[in-house]
Amino acid sequence: MSDSQKPDTFSRIVNGIAGVLDAILGVVIVTGFSVMVACVVWQVFSRYVLQTPSIYTDEISRFLFIWLALIGGAYTFGKGRHLAIELLSPALSGWRKKLSELLVLVIIAFFAIMVMMKGGGGLVARTLANGQVSPAMQLPMGYIYLAIPIGGAIILFYCIQMALKVINRDDDVEIGQSEAAGGPLD
């Protein structure tokens, strides 16, 4: 790694936090999917074998699916494994490529802030204030919707990490967004 490509202290801190966040999210996602699958299996077993369907497992699996979709999507984005349509970036090089990658990250960060964090946070506040609860378990729905702003915050963090990687790399180094996010695809 050349001197111009060595990350600064802030980048090293962000990358360290990203490593810890990746590990935590990995455990949360695997555990969540395991619990969700167990709930669905129990729901099917109790409905068709025991002839007494479990009312709680349906809601648990639905709420876990919401959380896993939003948190898993943020994790996938951070790993650079999300779906991306790159039309302009491969045709560019040098500072133009950097600029286009940074522009994409700014747009994603704007969406994460305005729609997911601000809009999702407003939804959480309104549903908690209105006292909306789930039908079977009587859980406050605001806690279920909390996955939206949390997912947005994770996406924003990964946008910052990716932007630092793009800024700190040499202009002549050709890498795609997956490498900027955390490594080449396997």
Protein backbone atom coordinates (compact mmCIF):
# COMPACT_ATOMS: atom_id res chain seq x y z
CA MET A 1 0.00 0.00 0.00
CA SER A 2 1.50 3.35 -1.01
CA ASP A 3 1.72 6.32 1.36
CA SER A 4 -1.12 8.08 -0.46
CA GLN A 5 -3.29 5.01 0.01
CA LYS A 6 -2.73 4.52 3.75
CA PRO A 7 -5.91 5.31 5.66
CA ASP A 8 -5.82 8.15 8.16
CA THR A 9 -6.64 7.69 11.84
CA PHE A 10 -10.34 8.47 11.36
CA SER A 11 -10.58 5.90 8.56
CA ARG A 12 -8.89 3.27 10.72
CA ILE A 13 -11.34 3.98 13.55
CA VAL A 14 -14.32 3.78 11.17
CA ASN A 15 -12.99 0.52 9.70
CA GLY A 16 -12.53 -0.89 13.21
CA ILE A 17 -16.09 0.05 14.14
CA ALA A 18 -17.29 -1.50 10.86
CA GLY A 19 -15.55 -4.76 11.75
CA VAL A 20 -17.29 -4.89 15.13
CA LEU A 21 -20.63 -3.88 13.56
CA ASP A 22 -20.24 -6.58 10.89
CA ALA A 23 -19.63 -9.23 13.55
CA ILE A 24 -22.61 -8.11 15.65
CA LEU A 25 -24.94 -7.88 12.65
CA GLY A 26 -23.81 -11.29 11.42
CA VAL A 27 -24.72 -12.89 14.76
CA VAL A 28 -28.02 -10.99 14.98
CA ILE A 29 -29.03 -11.94 11.43
CA VAL A 30 -28.15 -15.63 11.79
CA THR A 31 -29.89 -15.83 15.17
CA GLY A 32 -32.93 -13.95 13.86
CA PHE A 33 -33.27 -16.21 10.82
CA SER A 34 -32.89 -19.30 13.01
CA VAL A 35 -35.64 -18.11 15.35
CA MET A 36 -37.85 -17.15 12.41
CA VAL A 37 -37.45 -20.58 10.80
CA ALA A 38 -38.16 -22.29 14.14
CA CYS A 39 -41.32 -20.17 14.54
CA VAL A 40 -42.56 -21.06 11.06
CA VAL A 41 -41.82 -24.77 11.58
CA TRP A 42 -43.64 -24.71 14.93
CA GLN A 43 -46.57 -22.82 13.37
CA VAL A 44 -46.95 -25.44 10.64
CA PHE A 45 -46.50 -28.34 13.09
CA SER A 46 -48.98 -26.95 15.60
CA ARG A 47 -51.56 -26.16 12.92
CA TYR A 48 -51.48 -29.41 10.95
CA VAL A 49 -50.28 -32.00 13.47
CA LEU A 50 -51.58 -30.72 16.80
CA GLN A 51 -54.66 -29.08 15.22
CA THR A 52 -54.20 -26.03 17.51
CA PRO A 53 -52.37 -23.23 15.70
CA SER A 54 -50.00 -21.08 17.69
CA ILE A 55 -51.09 -17.45 17.47
CA TYR A 56 -47.84 -15.91 18.65
CA THR A 57 -45.38 -17.58 16.28
CA ASP A 58 -47.09 -16.05 13.25
CA GLU A 59 -46.57 -12.54 14.60
CA ILE A 60 -43.05 -13.26 15.83
CA SER A 61 -41.99 -14.55 12.42
CA ARG A 62 -43.61 -11.59 10.65
CA PHE A 63 -41.89 -9.05 12.90
CA LEU A 64 -38.55 -10.86 12.65
CA PHE A 65 -38.89 -10.80 8.87
CA ILE A 66 -39.33 -7.02 8.91
CA TRP A 67 -36.26 -6.53 11.13
CA LEU A 68 -34.16 -9.02 9.18
CA ALA A 69 -35.05 -7.47 5.83
CA LEU A 70 -34.02 -3.98 6.94
CA ILE A 71 -30.99 -4.91 9.04
CA GLY A 72 -29.92 -7.60 6.57
CA GLY A 73 -30.26 -5.13 3.70
CA ALA A 74 -28.05 -2.63 5.51
CA TYR A 75 -25.50 -5.36 6.27
CA THR A 76 -25.54 -6.49 2.63
CA PHE A 77 -25.02 -2.91 1.49
CA GLY A 78 -22.07 -2.55 3.85
CA LYS A 79 -20.50 -5.70 2.45
CA GLY A 80 -20.99 -4.47 -1.12
CA ARG A 81 -23.14 -7.49 -1.92
CA HIS A 82 -26.26 -5.53 -2.81
CA LEU A 83 -27.73 -5.27 -6.27
CA ALA A 84 -26.07 -2.45 -8.21
CA ILE A 85 -26.48 -1.34 -11.79
CA GLU A 86 -23.22 0.29 -12.82
CA LEU A 87 -23.65 2.01 -16.16
CA LEU A 88 -21.45 5.08 -15.85
CA SER A 89 -18.78 4.13 -13.32
CA PRO A 90 -17.02 1.38 -15.35
CA ALA A 91 -16.57 3.78 -18.27
CA LEU A 92 -14.85 6.37 -16.08
CA SER A 93 -11.39 6.47 -14.56
CA GLY A 94 -9.38 8.58 -12.14
CA TRP A 95 -11.07 11.47 -10.40
CA ARG A 96 -14.22 11.15 -12.53
CA LYS A 97 -14.74 7.59 -11.27
CA LYS A 98 -14.15 8.75 -7.69
CA LEU A 99 -16.60 11.59 -8.16
CA SER A 100 -19.31 9.33 -9.60
CA GLU A 101 -18.85 6.80 -6.76
CA LEU A 102 -19.02 9.58 -4.17
CA LEU A 103 -22.13 11.03 -5.82
CA VAL A 104 -23.86 7.64 -5.62
CA LEU A 105 -22.89 7.35 -1.94
CA VAL A 106 -24.21 10.86 -1.23
CA ILE A 107 -27.55 9.98 -2.85
CA ILE A 108 -27.78 6.75 -0.83
CA ALA A 109 -26.84 8.62 2.36
CA PHE A 110 -29.50 11.26 1.61
CA PHE A 111 -32.12 8.53 1.21
CA ALA A 112 -30.97 6.83 4.42
CA ILE A 113 -31.19 10.11 6.35
CA MET A 114 -34.39 11.59 4.94
CA VAL A 115 -36.54 8.54 4.25
CA MET A 116 -35.32 5.88 6.64
CA MET A 117 -34.04 7.85 9.64
CA LYS A 118 -36.23 10.96 9.53
CA GLY A 119 -39.35 9.40 7.99
CA GLY A 120 -38.97 6.09 9.82
CA GLY A 121 -38.25 7.91 13.07
CA GLY A 122 -41.42 9.95 12.60
CA LEU A 123 -43.40 6.77 11.98
CA VAL A 124 -41.99 5.24 15.17
CA ALA A 125 -42.86 8.35 17.19
CA ARG A 126 -46.41 8.55 15.79
CA THR A 127 -47.21 4.88 16.35
CA LEU A 128 -45.83 4.97 19.89
CA ALA A 129 -47.79 8.16 20.63
CA ASN A 130 -50.99 6.65 19.19
CA GLY A 131 -50.54 3.49 21.22
CA GLN A 132 -50.85 1.18 18.22
CA VAL A 133 -50.19 -2.43 19.28
CA SER A 134 -49.97 -5.75 17.46
CA PRO A 135 -53.14 -7.88 17.52
CA ALA A 136 -51.89 -11.09 19.13
CA MET A 137 -48.93 -10.15 21.32
CA GLN A 138 -49.99 -6.58 22.10
CA LEU A 139 -46.48 -5.28 21.31
CA PRO A 140 -46.19 -1.55 20.58
CA MET A 141 -45.85 -1.33 16.79
CA GLY A 142 -43.38 1.53 17.15
CA TYR A 143 -40.79 -1.01 18.31
CA ILE A 144 -41.39 -3.07 15.19
CA TYR A 145 -41.06 0.02 12.97
CA LEU A 146 -37.84 0.97 14.78
CA ALA A 147 -36.06 -1.30 12.30
CA ILE A 148 -36.49 1.42 9.64
CA PRO A 149 -34.42 4.20 11.27
CA ILE A 150 -31.91 1.69 12.67
CA GLY A 151 -31.41 0.21 9.20
CA GLY A 152 -31.02 3.75 7.83
CA ALA A 153 -28.39 4.60 10.45
CA ILE A 154 -26.42 1.47 9.58
CA ILE A 155 -26.59 2.29 5.86
CA LEU A 156 -25.43 5.85 6.61
CA PHE A 157 -22.47 4.52 8.60
CA TYR A 158 -21.48 2.20 5.74
CA CYS A 159 -21.82 5.12 3.28
CA ILE A 160 -19.30 7.07 5.37
CA GLN A 161 -16.96 4.08 5.47
CA MET A 162 -17.20 3.56 1.69
CA ALA A 163 -16.71 7.27 1.00
CA LEU A 164 -13.54 7.28 3.10
CA LYS A 165 -12.23 4.28 1.16
CA VAL A 166 -12.97 6.00 -2.15
CA ILE A 167 -11.35 9.26 -1.01
CA ASN A 168 -8.24 7.54 0.39
CA ARG A 169 -7.47 5.33 -2.60
CA ASP A 170 -5.16 6.32 -5.45
CA ASP A 171 -6.91 7.81 -8.48
CA ASP A 172 -5.37 5.23 -10.81
CA VAL A 173 -6.46 2.25 -8.72
CA GLU A 174 -9.43 0.63 -10.42
CA ILE A 175 -11.85 -0.95 -7.96
CA GLY A 176 -15.58 -1.45 -8.00
CA GLN A 177 -18.06 -0.56 -5.30
CA SER A 178 -17.77 -4.04 -3.78
CA GLU A 179 -14.08 -3.48 -3.13
CA ALA A 180 -14.79 -0.02 -1.71
CA ALA A 181 -17.29 -1.61 0.61
CA GLY A 182 -15.13 -4.29 2.10
CA GLY A 183 -13.45 -6.58 -0.39
CA PRO A 184 -13.92 -8.28 -3.71
CA LEU A 185 -16.83 -10.62 -4.17
CA ASP A 186 -16.00 -14.27 -3.57
